[in-house]
Amino acid sequence: MTGGFSFHGANGDGFLPRSAPFGMVVGGSLSDGVEIRLHPSGSTLIEDVKVGTFVTIQGKRYRFFGVITDLELSTSDSGIRHSPPESDDPMLLEVLSGTMAYGVVSVMPSLALPLAGDGGEGPAAAKTVPSHFSPSFPATEDDVASVFGREDNQHFWIGSPLDMNTRVCLDLDNLVRRSFGVFGKSGTGKTFLTRLLLVGILQGGTASSLIFDMHSEYGWSGQDTDRNRHVKGLKQLFPSYVSTFTLDAESSRRRGSSADEVVSIGYGEIEPEDIELLKDNLSLSDVASVACFNLQQRFGGNWMSEFLARQGPETGDLADELGVNRAALGALHNRLSRFRRYPFLEEGNRHNAAARIIEHLERGKHVVLEFGRYGRDLNAYILVSNLLTRRIHERYVELKEEAEGGQGKDPRPLVIVIEEAHRFLNPAISSQTTFANIARELRKYNVTLMIIDQRPGGIDSEVMSQLGTRFTCALDNERDIDSVLAGAAGGRQLRVVLSRLEEKQQALVFGHAVPMPVVIHTREYGTPESYASLTGNVNLAPFEDTRPGESDAERLERQIDELFS
């Protein structure tokens, strides 16, 4: 198999060799793409050509790489439209097909490779178009490799082009350099695609990841609902490189998962900004949410415990003391009292969960925080993930500033993974969240985001514009499609490609991690063969139990202390 789609010749012998083009360039432009007329011989049926297929065009000075963005039935005689030939005359239909009636394929050339070069440079962004009558071919395995690279420690195999049994690889360093997103409506395979990306980041060794695992899908195991089976998570595949934390130890035990640590959070760690983020979920008025700042000013860091300790008339007296509307403060007390049902919230701050997570991340490990039954509670998910991310971001800012001042090394790059991203990054509240700050700051402090969402249209457009790479499964909402393609080169043409994705295991990928947009069929995940390929083909970077600014002697002394403590 050498092509991106099949051809049926007169003898029905399947694929044509590379020497036989399927069509030639007859028009187009750099902005709209080029038009390729299928050859009049009829050897290529337009029904065999698919939107999203990877093809090449052989110009006189360049070889162009692109994807098919549209298909059209055209004629050289308008009379055929109004007076088509009789369908019972197969000879006439055969004569007209491919000559007066023919197919036209639209291709968006994204990359160009000089034909008369020294061979040292790869394809670059196309700044011109192929000449008239340039032949077009289905891409080969060598074409895919020359564009996307071959699998190694820095190139991770994510899937295959449409109708091709070859590998599309991501540049892992470019992937984690900026925030990126995984989008698609429910049931399209976002979770499986996310698992593959997390494995790639782990194998590449260029960054650690912190996964806020809303539905307990990424740590020990997950669920393949389509095939009614369990699949292995990161901890089973790479036990030495992954640490699992949990908010719900009971849920972990039921699922057969042994968490490394159970997370407890002190009321004193909660700040007014955390409550303001939950204003809509808790049905709080502006007056009530702002009252949290008055309480913090009155009671200091322990404001929440002091406030919840007040009962009945005491709340009204406190409202008078603070100059806050009694009804608003009463509503705030009522809503915050719901937090008492969370066992992971406790008085004081004995454990400092953020510090423990940071410690694992600084040692180069990947951390999965499982929410267990609390993942179904958006208030718990938003509160914990925002609170911990703020602490982690503050720590990374300190480490980066110390490194710039010559007092330590740069912190290891970190990718923070959040689901239901529109809950944190919608236009109304994104400016108040640490997540939006991370997205806007790019890699300034070595922290980026991986956002997973089925409603990208609900995410602030400024945040979306900062995403370096986008992995988009099938979407059917116009607003979501507009959001994903906003600012993308060739967005109008890619819209057609995106609208034709299959419901399962297909994604349009474009951005910094790939040289050009490409539609992929994601690689398999969940079989013994897939596990072997994920854990055996790439040599993991050796795990080093190091911390920023720590000398070899200090590390050895600490490891001895930990061993016998």
Protein backbone atom coordinates (compact mmCIF):
# COMPACT_ATOMS: atom_id res chain seq x y z
CA MET A 1 0.00 0.00 0.00
CA THR A 2 1.50 3.29 -1.07
CA GLY A 3 -1.38 5.69 -1.37
CA GLY A 4 -3.70 7.72 0.80
CA PHE A 5 -6.78 6.33 -0.98
CA SER A 6 -7.54 3.51 -3.37
CA PHE A 7 -7.87 3.66 -7.13
CA HIS A 8 -9.73 1.31 -9.41
CA GLY A 9 -8.21 0.83 -12.84
CA ALA A 10 -9.74 -0.94 -15.80
CA ASN A 11 -8.66 -4.30 -14.44
CA GLY A 12 -9.57 -3.47 -10.82
CA ASP A 13 -6.05 -4.08 -9.56
CA GLY A 14 -6.23 -1.63 -6.64
CA PHE A 15 -3.52 0.96 -5.92
CA LEU A 16 -1.64 2.71 -8.67
CA PRO A 17 2.14 2.97 -8.35
CA ARG A 18 3.77 6.24 -7.38
CA SER A 19 4.62 6.89 -11.03
CA ALA A 20 0.91 7.28 -11.84
CA PRO A 21 -0.53 10.60 -10.60
CA PHE A 22 -4.24 10.81 -9.85
CA GLY A 23 -4.67 14.33 -11.22
CA MET A 24 -3.08 17.62 -12.21
CA VAL A 25 -3.25 21.22 -11.01
CA VAL A 26 -5.64 23.35 -13.10
CA GLY A 27 -6.11 26.43 -10.91
CA GLY A 28 -6.29 27.88 -7.40
CA SER A 29 -4.49 30.34 -5.17
CA LEU A 30 -2.25 30.43 -2.11
CA SER A 31 -5.08 31.63 0.14
CA ASP A 32 -7.82 29.31 -1.13
CA GLY A 33 -5.76 26.28 -2.10
CA VAL A 34 -5.20 24.68 -5.49
CA GLU A 35 -7.63 22.77 -7.69
CA ILE A 36 -6.65 19.38 -9.03
CA ARG A 37 -8.61 17.86 -11.88
CA LEU A 38 -8.81 14.09 -11.73
CA HIS A 39 -7.32 12.40 -14.78
CA PRO A 40 -9.76 11.91 -17.66
CA SER A 41 -8.82 8.24 -17.97
CA GLY A 42 -11.29 7.51 -15.20
CA SER A 43 -8.74 5.41 -13.29
CA THR A 44 -9.36 7.57 -10.20
CA LEU A 45 -12.94 7.70 -8.98
CA ILE A 46 -13.86 10.77 -6.95
CA GLU A 47 -15.80 8.44 -4.66
CA ASP A 48 -12.46 6.97 -3.55
CA VAL A 49 -11.03 10.35 -2.55
CA LYS A 50 -11.63 11.56 1.03
CA VAL A 51 -11.48 14.97 2.62
CA GLY A 52 -8.51 15.11 5.01
CA THR A 53 -6.28 12.78 2.96
CA PHE A 54 -2.58 13.65 2.83
CA VAL A 55 -1.29 14.20 -0.75
CA THR A 56 1.76 15.57 -2.56
CA ILE A 57 2.07 17.77 -5.65
CA GLN A 58 5.18 17.66 -7.83
CA GLY A 59 5.89 21.19 -9.05
CA LYS A 60 8.77 22.25 -11.28
CA ARG A 61 10.89 23.65 -8.43
CA TYR A 62 9.16 22.38 -5.29
CA ARG A 63 7.40 19.35 -3.95
CA PHE A 64 4.27 20.43 -2.09
CA PHE A 65 2.57 18.65 0.79
CA GLY A 66 -1.06 19.24 1.66
CA VAL A 67 -4.42 17.79 2.63
CA ILE A 68 -7.57 17.49 0.58
CA THR A 69 -10.08 20.05 1.84
CA ASP A 70 -12.98 19.75 -0.61
CA LEU A 71 -14.37 17.76 -3.53
CA GLU A 72 -16.41 19.01 -6.48
CA LEU A 73 -18.19 17.60 -9.51
CA SER A 74 -17.60 19.87 -12.49
CA THR A 75 -18.34 19.97 -16.22
CA SER A 76 -16.87 21.68 -19.24
CA ASP A 77 -20.32 22.03 -20.84
CA SER A 78 -23.14 23.58 -18.84
CA GLY A 79 -25.61 21.74 -21.05
CA ILE A 80 -24.79 18.51 -19.26
CA ARG A 81 -26.27 19.96 -16.06
CA HIS A 82 -29.55 20.74 -17.78
CA SER A 83 -29.71 17.77 -20.15
CA PRO A 84 -27.78 14.85 -18.67
CA PRO A 85 -27.30 11.80 -20.90
CA GLU A 86 -29.59 8.83 -20.68
CA SER A 87 -28.51 6.51 -17.92
CA ASP A 88 -29.20 3.43 -20.07
CA ASP A 89 -26.41 4.32 -22.49
CA PRO A 90 -23.28 3.10 -20.66
CA MET A 91 -21.00 3.80 -23.64
CA LEU A 92 -21.97 7.49 -23.70
CA LEU A 93 -21.62 7.79 -19.94
CA GLU A 94 -18.15 6.26 -20.15
CA VAL A 95 -17.10 8.73 -22.86
CA LEU A 96 -18.40 11.78 -20.99
CA SER A 97 -17.05 10.72 -17.60
CA GLY A 98 -13.62 12.21 -17.06
CA THR A 99 -13.77 14.41 -20.18
CA MET A 100 -16.79 16.73 -20.21
CA ALA A 101 -17.80 15.64 -16.69
CA TYR A 102 -14.99 15.28 -14.18
CA GLY A 103 -14.02 15.56 -10.56
CA VAL A 104 -12.06 18.41 -8.97
CA VAL A 105 -10.12 18.03 -5.72
CA SER A 106 -9.22 21.07 -3.58
CA VAL A 107 -5.88 20.81 -1.79
CA MET A 108 -4.39 23.25 0.72
CA PRO A 109 -0.59 23.14 0.20
CA SER A 110 0.95 23.67 3.63
CA LEU A 111 4.62 22.77 3.07
CA ALA A 112 7.09 22.93 0.19
CA LEU A 113 10.40 21.14 -0.30
CA PRO A 114 12.88 22.45 -2.90
CA LEU A 115 13.68 19.85 -5.55
CA ALA A 116 17.13 21.24 -6.29
CA GLY A 117 18.46 21.63 -2.74
CA ASP A 118 21.34 20.19 -0.79
CA GLY A 119 19.00 17.80 0.97
CA GLY A 120 19.90 19.16 4.40
CA GLU A 121 16.67 20.99 5.03
CA GLY A 122 13.19 19.62 5.47
CA PRO A 123 9.91 21.04 4.17
CA ALA A 124 9.12 24.66 5.01
CA ALA A 125 5.89 26.65 4.97
CA ALA A 126 4.56 26.98 1.43
CA LYS A 127 4.83 30.57 0.17
CA THR A 128 3.94 29.83 -3.41
CA VAL A 129 1.76 27.40 -5.36
CA PRO A 130 2.59 24.65 -7.88
CA SER A 131 2.52 25.44 -11.60
CA HIS A 132 -0.35 24.59 -13.91
CA PHE A 133 -0.55 20.90 -14.81
CA SER A 134 1.70 19.81 -11.91
CA PRO A 135 0.89 16.15 -11.14
CA SER A 136 -0.54 15.16 -7.75
CA PHE A 137 0.06 11.86 -5.96
CA PRO A 138 -1.23 10.08 -2.88
CA ALA A 139 1.36 10.44 -0.11
CA THR A 140 3.73 7.58 0.64
CA GLU A 141 5.25 6.41 3.90
CA ASP A 142 8.46 8.29 3.03
CA ASP A 143 6.43 11.47 2.48
CA VAL A 144 4.86 11.16 5.91
CA ALA A 145 8.25 10.52 7.53
CA SER A 146 9.88 13.47 5.75
CA VAL A 147 7.19 15.80 7.07
CA PHE A 148 6.39 14.44 10.55
CA GLY A 149 9.66 12.68 11.39
CA ARG A 150 10.28 9.13 12.50
CA GLU A 151 9.52 7.78 15.95
CA ASP A 152 12.25 8.42 18.52
CA ASN A 153 12.63 9.98 21.98
CA GLN A 154 11.43 13.36 20.73
CA HIS A 155 8.91 12.21 18.14
CA PHE A 156 5.91 10.33 19.46
CA TRP A 157 3.68 8.24 17.24
CA ILE A 158 0.14 9.54 17.76
CA GLY A 159 -1.73 7.93 14.84
CA SER A 160 -1.87 7.36 11.08
CA PRO A 161 -3.08 9.50 8.17
CA LEU A 162 -6.41 8.54 6.66
CA ASP A 163 -6.28 5.21 4.80
CA MET A 164 -2.54 4.84 5.34
CA ASN A 165 -0.69 2.28 7.41
CA THR A 166 2.12 4.62 8.44
CA ARG A 167 2.92 6.81 11.44
CA VAL A 168 2.30 10.49 12.14
CA CYS A 169 4.61 11.69 14.93
CA LEU A 170 4.42 14.72 17.22
CA ASP A 171 7.40 16.87 18.13
CA LEU A 172 7.20 16.52 21.91
CA ASP A 173 9.39 19.51 22.70
CA ASN A 174 7.22 21.78 20.57
CA LEU A 175 4.12 20.24 22.10
CA VAL A 176 4.93 21.12 25.72
CA ARG A 177 6.54 24.45 24.90
CA ARG A 178 3.11 26.09 24.82
CA SER A 179 -0.29 25.20 26.21
CA PHE A 180 -2.38 22.90 24.04
CA GLY A 181 -5.89 21.52 23.90
CA VAL A 182 -7.89 18.36 23.19
CA PHE A 183 -11.43 19.01 22.00
CA GLY A 184 -14.40 17.00 20.77
CA LYS A 185 -17.95 16.21 21.68
CA SER A 186 -18.75 13.44 24.13
CA GLY A 187 -17.90 9.93 22.98
CA THR A 188 -15.39 10.86 20.25
CA GLY A 189 -12.30 9.50 22.00
CA LYS A 190 -10.87 12.55 23.80
CA THR A 191 -9.91 10.46 26.81
CA PHE A 192 -8.01 7.89 24.73
CA LEU A 193 -6.24 10.64 22.81
CA THR A 194 -5.34 12.33 26.11
CA ARG A 195 -3.88 9.08 27.47
CA LEU A 196 -1.68 8.77 24.39
CA LEU A 197 -0.46 12.35 24.73
CA LEU A 198 0.37 11.83 28.41
CA VAL A 199 2.34 8.69 27.56
CA GLY A 200 4.21 10.67 24.91
CA ILE A 201 5.11 13.44 27.36
CA LEU A 202 6.31 10.86 29.87
CA GLN A 203 8.41 9.03 27.28
CA GLY A 204 9.91 12.22 25.94
CA GLY A 205 11.24 13.13 29.37
CA THR A 206 11.15 16.86 28.65
CA ALA A 207 8.39 17.72 31.14
CA SER A 208 6.44 16.43 34.10
CA SER A 209 2.64 16.38 34.12
CA LEU A 210 0.08 17.06 36.83
CA ILE A 211 -3.27 15.55 35.92
CA PHE A 212 -6.42 16.64 37.70
CA ASP A 213 -8.19 13.35 37.04
CA MET A 214 -11.84 14.28 37.30
CA HIS A 215 -13.24 10.84 36.49
CA SER A 216 -10.31 8.64 37.67
CA GLU A 217 -9.36 7.68 34.10
CA TYR A 218 -5.61 8.27 33.95
CA GLY A 219 -4.03 6.92 37.13
CA TRP A 220 -4.35 3.19 37.78
CA SER A 221 -7.01 2.28 35.24
CA GLY A 222 -9.83 3.67 33.13
CA GLN A 223 -12.94 2.50 31.37
CA ASP A 224 -13.47 1.78 27.68
CA THR A 225 -17.25 2.13 27.60
CA ASP A 226 -17.55 1.26 23.91
CA ARG A 227 -15.98 -2.15 24.43
CA ASN A 228 -17.04 -2.56 28.08
CA ARG A 229 -13.54 -3.19 29.39
CA HIS A 230 -10.97 -1.64 31.70
CA VAL A 231 -7.77 -0.18 30.28
CA LYS A 232 -4.49 0.44 32.03
CA GLY A 233 -3.61 3.89 33.29
CA LEU A 234 -0.23 5.59 33.56
CA LYS A 235 0.55 4.07 36.96
CA GLN A 236 0.23 0.51 35.65
CA LEU A 237 2.26 1.22 32.53
CA PHE A 238 5.02 3.29 34.17
CA PRO A 239 4.91 2.61 37.94
CA SER A 240 8.35 4.09 38.67
CA TYR A 241 7.57 7.36 36.93
CA VAL A 242 4.04 8.08 38.14
CA SER A 243 2.74 9.05 41.59
CA THR A 244 -0.97 8.85 42.35
CA PHE A 245 -2.68 11.12 44.85
CA THR A 246 -6.34 10.78 45.78
CA LEU A 247 -9.06 12.82 47.46
CA ASP A 248 -11.10 9.67 47.97
CA ALA A 249 -9.13 6.75 49.43
CA GLU A 250 -12.26 4.61 49.66
CA SER A 251 -12.91 4.94 45.92
CA SER A 252 -9.29 4.05 45.18
CA ARG A 253 -9.55 0.86 47.24
CA ARG A 254 -12.77 -0.18 45.50
CA ARG A 255 -11.10 0.22 42.13
CA GLY A 256 -8.08 -1.81 43.20
CA SER A 257 -5.80 1.23 43.12
CA SER A 258 -3.27 1.89 45.85
CA ALA A 259 -2.66 5.64 45.96
CA ASP A 260 0.75 6.91 46.99
CA GLU A 261 -0.78 9.66 49.12
CA VAL A 262 -4.22 10.77 50.31
CA VAL A 263 -4.82 14.50 49.90
CA SER A 264 -6.15 16.64 52.75
CA ILE A 265 -6.62 20.37 52.44
CA GLY A 266 -6.92 22.81 55.33
CA TYR A 267 -9.66 25.44 55.43
CA GLY A 268 -6.85 27.92 55.92
CA GLU A 269 -5.62 27.23 52.40
CA ILE A 270 -8.87 28.44 50.83
CA GLU A 271 -8.79 32.05 49.69
CA PRO A 272 -11.60 34.40 48.62
CA GLU A 273 -10.54 34.05 44.99
CA ASP A 274 -11.38 30.34 45.17
CA ILE A 275 -14.91 31.12 46.30
CA GLU A 276 -15.34 33.86 43.72
CA LEU A 277 -14.57 31.30 41.04
CA LEU A 278 -17.48 29.21 42.35
CA LYS A 279 -19.93 32.12 42.49
CA ASP A 280 -22.20 30.82 39.73
CA ASN A 281 -22.07 27.20 40.87
CA LEU A 282 -22.97 28.22 44.42
CA SER A 283 -25.61 30.74 43.23
CA LEU A 284 -23.92 33.57 45.12
CA SER A 285 -24.64 37.22 44.47
CA ASP A 286 -21.81 39.65 43.78
CA VAL A 287 -22.27 41.09 47.28
CA ALA A 288 -21.98 37.65 48.88
CA SER A 289 -18.84 36.63 46.95
CA VAL A 290 -17.13 39.97 47.68
CA ALA A 291 -17.94 39.50 51.38
CA CYS A 292 -15.27 36.76 51.46
CA PHE A 293 -12.63 39.46 51.14
CA ASN A 294 -14.19 41.35 54.08
CA LEU A 295 -14.03 38.16 56.12
CA GLN A 296 -10.40 37.58 55.20
CA GLN A 297 -9.57 41.14 56.22
CA ARG A 298 -11.36 40.60 59.54
CA PHE A 299 -10.06 37.12 60.46
CA GLY A 300 -6.92 36.66 58.36
CA GLY A 301 -5.93 33.34 56.81
CA ASN A 302 -8.31 31.38 59.05
CA TRP A 303 -11.32 33.37 57.82
CA MET A 304 -13.35 30.42 56.58
CA SER A 305 -13.14 28.38 59.79
CA GLU A 306 -14.00 31.44 61.88
CA PHE A 307 -16.94 32.27 59.64
CA LEU A 308 -18.40 28.76 59.57
CA ALA A 309 -18.10 28.56 63.37
CA ARG A 310 -20.68 31.36 63.66
CA GLN A 311 -24.25 30.19 64.05
CA GLY A 312 -27.68 31.79 63.71
CA PRO A 313 -27.79 35.36 65.10
CA GLU A 314 -23.97 35.48 65.24
CA THR A 315 -23.92 35.65 61.44
CA GLY A 316 -26.22 38.68 61.48
CA ASP A 317 -24.10 40.42 64.10
CA LEU A 318 -21.00 39.73 61.99
CA ALA A 319 -22.71 41.24 58.95
CA ASP A 320 -23.40 44.43 60.90
CA GLU A 321 -19.80 44.52 62.10
CA LEU A 322 -18.45 44.16 58.55
CA GLY A 323 -21.02 46.48 56.99
CA VAL A 324 -22.31 43.69 54.74
CA ASN A 325 -25.91 42.95 53.83
CA ARG A 326 -27.28 40.42 56.35
CA ALA A 327 -29.12 38.34 53.74
CA ALA A 328 -26.04 38.16 51.49
CA LEU A 329 -23.77 37.06 54.33
CA GLY A 330 -26.36 34.54 55.47
CA ALA A 331 -26.53 33.09 51.96
CA LEU A 332 -22.73 32.88 51.87
CA HIS A 333 -22.69 31.04 55.20
CA ASN A 334 -25.32 28.61 53.97
CA ARG A 335 -23.46 27.84 50.72
CA LEU A 336 -20.02 27.48 52.33
CA SER A 337 -21.45 25.17 54.98
CA ARG A 338 -21.83 22.61 52.17
CA PHE A 339 -18.05 22.25 52.16
CA ARG A 340 -18.25 20.53 55.55
CA ARG A 341 -19.42 17.38 53.81
CA TYR A 342 -16.05 17.06 52.07
CA PRO A 343 -13.87 14.79 54.26
CA PHE A 344 -10.73 16.00 52.47
CA LEU A 345 -11.24 19.48 53.98
CA GLU A 346 -10.05 19.78 57.57
CA GLU A 347 -9.13 22.31 60.19
CA GLY A 348 -5.56 23.55 60.10
CA ASN A 349 -3.03 22.73 57.43
CA ARG A 350 -1.07 19.76 58.68
CA HIS A 351 -0.36 18.04 55.38
CA ASN A 352 0.10 20.84 52.82
CA ALA A 353 -0.95 18.80 49.80
CA ALA A 354 0.43 21.34 47.33
CA ALA A 355 3.90 21.06 48.85
CA ARG A 356 3.82 17.25 48.63
CA ILE A 357 2.73 17.34 45.00
CA ILE A 358 5.41 19.90 44.16
CA GLU A 359 8.00 17.67 45.82
CA HIS A 360 7.10 14.78 43.51
CA LEU A 361 7.06 17.03 40.44
CA GLU A 362 10.46 18.50 41.27
CA ARG A 363 11.84 14.98 41.46
CA GLY A 364 10.77 14.48 37.85
CA LYS A 365 7.72 12.35 38.51
CA HIS A 366 4.29 12.63 36.91
CA VAL A 367 1.41 13.13 39.33
CA VAL A 368 -2.19 12.00 38.91
CA LEU A 369 -4.67 13.46 41.39
CA GLU A 370 -7.77 11.26 41.39
CA PHE A 371 -11.01 12.83 42.61
CA GLY A 372 -12.97 9.60 43.08
CA ARG A 373 -16.61 10.28 43.89
CA TYR A 374 -15.88 14.01 44.21
CA GLY A 375 -15.18 14.20 40.48
CA ARG A 376 -18.95 14.28 39.97
CA ASP A 377 -19.11 17.40 42.15
CA LEU A 378 -18.01 20.39 40.08
CA ASN A 379 -17.64 22.54 43.18
CA ALA A 380 -15.08 20.13 44.62
CA TYR A 381 -13.24 19.77 41.32
CA ILE A 382 -13.02 23.50 40.67
CA LEU A 383 -12.09 24.35 44.26
CA VAL A 384 -9.29 21.79 44.61
CA SER A 385 -7.74 22.12 41.16
CA ASN A 386 -7.68 25.92 41.25
CA LEU A 387 -6.37 26.02 44.82
CA LEU A 388 -3.53 23.58 44.18
CA THR A 389 -2.63 25.13 40.83
CA ARG A 390 -2.30 28.56 42.41
CA ARG A 391 0.13 27.20 45.02
CA ILE A 392 2.11 25.29 42.39
CA HIS A 393 2.28 28.29 40.09
CA GLU A 394 3.53 30.48 42.93
CA ARG A 395 6.27 27.95 43.68
CA TYR A 396 7.37 27.74 40.06
CA VAL A 397 7.52 31.53 39.83
CA GLU A 398 9.84 31.52 42.87
CA LEU A 399 12.04 28.79 41.37
CA LYS A 400 12.26 30.57 38.04
CA GLU A 401 13.19 33.88 39.67
CA GLU A 402 15.84 32.12 41.79
CA ALA A 403 17.28 30.55 38.65
CA GLU A 404 17.41 33.92 36.91
CA GLY A 405 19.23 35.28 39.95
CA GLY A 406 21.82 32.51 39.79
CA GLN A 407 20.57 30.80 42.96
CA GLY A 408 19.38 27.56 41.39
CA LYS A 409 18.42 25.68 38.24
CA ASP A 410 15.36 26.25 36.10
CA PRO A 411 12.38 24.22 37.33
CA ARG A 412 11.56 21.18 35.26
CA PRO A 413 8.83 22.07 32.72
CA LEU A 414 5.36 21.16 33.92
CA VAL A 415 2.14 20.44 32.03
CA ILE A 416 -1.05 20.82 34.10
CA VAL A 417 -3.99 18.81 32.73
CA ILE A 418 -7.56 19.98 33.40
CA GLU A 419 -10.89 18.61 32.19
CA GLU A 420 -14.07 20.68 31.82
CA ALA A 421 -11.76 23.58 30.99
CA HIS A 422 -14.58 25.99 30.14
CA ARG A 423 -15.51 25.98 33.83
CA PHE A 424 -12.21 27.74 34.61
CA LEU A 425 -11.58 29.62 31.40
CA ASN A 426 -14.88 31.12 30.30
CA PRO A 427 -14.79 34.86 29.52
CA ALA A 428 -16.66 35.84 32.69
CA ILE A 429 -14.13 34.39 35.16
CA SER A 430 -10.96 33.46 33.27
CA SER A 431 -9.18 36.61 34.40
CA GLN A 432 -9.63 35.45 38.02
CA THR A 433 -8.07 32.00 37.58
CA THR A 434 -4.51 30.82 37.75
CA PHE A 435 -5.17 28.68 34.68
CA ALA A 436 -5.76 31.70 32.47
CA ASN A 437 -2.57 33.31 33.77
CA ILE A 438 -0.62 30.17 32.92
CA ALA A 439 -2.07 30.07 29.40
CA ARG A 440 -1.19 33.71 28.78
CA GLU A 441 2.30 33.51 30.26
CA LEU A 442 3.23 30.61 27.96
CA ARG A 443 6.52 29.10 29.15
CA LYS A 444 7.68 32.13 31.07
CA TYR A 445 7.69 30.12 34.29
CA ASN A 446 8.02 26.64 32.72
CA VAL A 447 4.34 25.80 33.31
CA THR A 448 1.81 25.15 30.54
CA LEU A 449 -1.70 23.73 30.30
CA MET A 450 -3.30 20.79 28.57
CA ILE A 451 -7.00 21.61 28.45
CA ILE A 452 -9.63 18.98 27.64
CA ASP A 453 -13.14 20.09 26.76
CA GLN A 454 -16.21 19.25 24.74
CA ARG A 455 -17.30 22.90 24.62
CA PRO A 456 -14.34 24.95 23.34
CA GLY A 457 -16.77 27.70 22.37
CA GLY A 458 -17.18 28.40 26.09
CA ILE A 459 -13.48 29.16 26.58
CA ASP A 460 -12.18 32.73 26.49
CA SER A 461 -10.97 33.54 22.97
CA GLU A 462 -7.80 35.11 24.36
CA VAL A 463 -6.93 31.82 26.06
CA MET A 464 -7.73 29.82 22.91
CA SER A 465 -5.41 32.06 20.90
CA GLN A 466 -2.51 31.07 23.17
CA LEU A 467 -2.83 27.34 22.50
CA GLY A 468 0.13 26.11 20.49
CA THR A 469 -1.36 22.81 19.28
CA ARG A 470 -4.98 21.72 18.97
CA PHE A 471 -6.25 18.15 18.74
CA THR A 472 -9.85 18.25 17.61
CA CYS A 473 -12.16 15.27 17.41
CA ALA A 474 -15.64 15.53 15.92
CA LEU A 475 -17.65 18.64 16.85
CA ASP A 476 -21.17 19.52 15.77
CA ASN A 477 -21.71 22.93 17.36
CA GLU A 478 -20.89 25.88 15.09
CA ARG A 479 -19.63 28.02 17.94
CA ASP A 480 -17.26 25.26 19.08
CA ILE A 481 -15.92 24.79 15.54
CA ASP A 482 -15.38 28.55 15.15
CA SER A 483 -13.49 28.65 18.45
CA VAL A 484 -11.16 25.77 17.59
CA LEU A 485 -10.30 27.15 14.13
CA ALA A 486 -10.01 30.82 15.14
CA GLY A 487 -6.64 32.19 14.04
CA ALA A 488 -5.62 28.99 12.24
CA ALA A 489 -4.03 29.37 8.82
CA GLY A 490 -6.48 27.99 6.27
CA GLY A 491 -9.23 27.89 8.87
CA ARG A 492 -11.99 28.16 6.26
CA GLN A 493 -10.72 25.13 4.38
CA LEU A 494 -10.07 23.18 7.58
CA ARG A 495 -13.67 23.76 8.60
CA VAL A 496 -14.80 21.39 5.86
CA VAL A 497 -12.24 18.81 6.99
CA LEU A 498 -13.34 19.08 10.62
CA SER A 499 -17.01 18.74 9.73
CA ARG A 500 -16.33 15.40 8.01
CA LEU A 501 -14.48 13.67 10.83
CA GLU A 502 -15.84 10.30 11.90
CA GLU A 503 -17.42 10.01 15.33
CA LYS A 504 -14.71 7.77 16.78
CA GLN A 505 -10.91 7.74 16.88
CA GLN A 506 -10.27 10.51 14.33
CA ALA A 507 -8.83 13.95 15.01
CA LEU A 508 -7.67 17.01 13.13
CA VAL A 509 -4.26 18.05 14.48
CA PHE A 510 -2.63 21.39 13.76
CA GLY A 511 -0.21 23.75 15.47
CA HIS A 512 3.34 23.74 16.80
CA ALA A 513 3.68 19.98 17.39
CA VAL A 514 3.11 19.13 13.71
CA PRO A 515 4.56 20.89 10.64
CA MET A 516 1.16 21.00 8.89
CA PRO A 517 -2.50 20.20 9.62
CA VAL A 518 -3.28 16.51 9.36
CA VAL A 519 -6.24 14.24 10.01
CA ILE A 520 -5.21 11.16 11.96
CA HIS A 521 -6.75 7.89 12.98
CA THR A 522 -5.42 7.66 16.54
CA ARG A 523 -3.32 4.64 17.42
CA GLU A 524 -4.76 1.80 19.44
CA TYR A 525 -4.83 1.93 23.23
CA GLY A 526 -6.14 -0.80 25.51
CA THR A 527 -4.84 -4.06 24.05
CA PRO A 528 -1.77 -6.05 25.17
CA GLU A 529 -0.13 -5.20 21.83
CA SER A 530 -0.75 -1.49 22.32
CA TYR A 531 0.68 -1.57 25.85
CA ALA A 532 3.80 -3.31 24.55
CA SER A 533 4.26 -0.70 21.83
CA LEU A 534 3.76 2.16 24.28
CA THR A 535 6.22 0.88 26.87
CA GLY A 536 8.76 -0.98 24.75
CA ASN A 537 9.54 1.06 21.65
CA VAL A 538 11.02 4.13 23.28
CA ASN A 539 13.73 4.18 25.93
CA LEU A 540 12.60 6.27 28.85
CA ALA A 541 15.00 8.87 30.15
CA PRO A 542 16.59 7.60 33.38
CA PHE A 543 14.64 8.74 36.41
CA GLU A 544 16.65 11.02 38.62
CA ASP A 545 15.55 11.79 42.14
CA THR A 546 16.79 15.37 42.04
CA ARG A 547 15.48 18.68 43.24
CA PRO A 548 16.24 22.18 41.94
CA GLY A 549 19.48 23.61 43.32
CA GLU A 550 20.41 20.37 45.11
CA SER A 551 24.02 19.20 44.89
CA ASP A 552 24.98 15.53 44.46
CA ALA A 553 26.13 15.31 48.07
CA GLU A 554 22.91 16.90 49.35
CA ARG A 555 20.82 14.54 47.23
CA LEU A 556 22.68 11.48 48.54
CA GLU A 557 22.27 12.62 52.15
CA ARG A 558 18.54 13.24 51.65
CA GLN A 559 17.99 9.86 49.99
CA ILE A 560 19.72 8.10 52.91
CA ASP A 561 17.54 10.00 55.38
CA GLU A 562 14.39 9.08 53.43
CA LEU A 563 15.45 5.43 53.25
CA PHE A 564 15.74 5.06 57.02
CA SER A 565 13.03 7.50 58.10
